[in-house]
Amino acid sequence: MKSTDLLMFVAVVAVLLATMNLVITINKIGDFKIFSGFVTDTGIANLTITSNTQVNFSYDDFINWGSGYVPTATDNCELTTTGIMNCTGFSTISDGFVIVNIGNEDVNLNLTSSKSAADFIGAGAVFQWNVSQNETGSCPSGLDIASWTTVSTTGVRACDNFTFLDNRDELEIHLRIVIPNTAATDAKTVTITADAQTYI
C-alpha cells in the first residue's frame, strides 16, 4: 500500500468519524431542548371544598342568675339577660347567649327550649326570648323573634339567612323569666338548643 493510499484511507476514516461526531452532537442538542423547557406540557390540580354548616354558642354558654326569691309584698319578679326587676338576691346579668355561624354556609337558625314556662318555673310563670343582631348584617332577611316571644319546645325559626361572613356572623338570644310568688323553691335549669340548616 502506497503512502498516498494510506493517507487517503486515514482521511476517509477521519471524515467518517467527524460526521458521526456531528450526528451525535446534533442528537444530544435535541435532547438538551427537552430538559431546558423547550417542550410545553400541562398538569392538573384538583380539590373539592365541602359545605360546613355549623353554629356554636360563643363567649359564655351558661347564664346563671344565682339564688333569690320573690319578695312577699310583690306578685312576681322578673329576670332578663339585661337586668332584674322586683327580685331579691338574684344576680344581674348583662348579656344573653351569643351564637356565631362558624361554618362556611349561610344558614336558617332554629331555636328550641327543653322546657315550657310551666315546666321550667311553675304555673303562672312567663318564659320568653328574643333575638337581636350582635353584628350588623348577620340576619339580612330579618329576625323572626325580634321581640319578646314565648319560648317553643318544638322549635321556632329565629333567622333566615344567618350569614357566615366575618363581622356579620353573630346573633344574641336574650331571655326573660317572670317568676310568680307561688313558684316552688328548687333549682331550675333549662337548655336552649340552636339548630342550623343550610340556607336555600
Foldseek 3Di string as FASTA:
>chain_A
DDPVVVVVVVVVVVVVVVVVVVVVVVVVVVVVCVVPPVDDDDDDDDDDDDWDFDKDFPDDPDDFQDDWAQDPVDFKWKAKQCAIGRIPDTHHHRFFTKMFGQIQFFWWKKKAKCDFLCRQWRPPKAKWKAKDFPAPQQAVVDFPRHDTDGGHHVMDTGGAGRDNDPSRTMMGMMMMMIHGNPTDDDDGDMDMDMDIDGHD
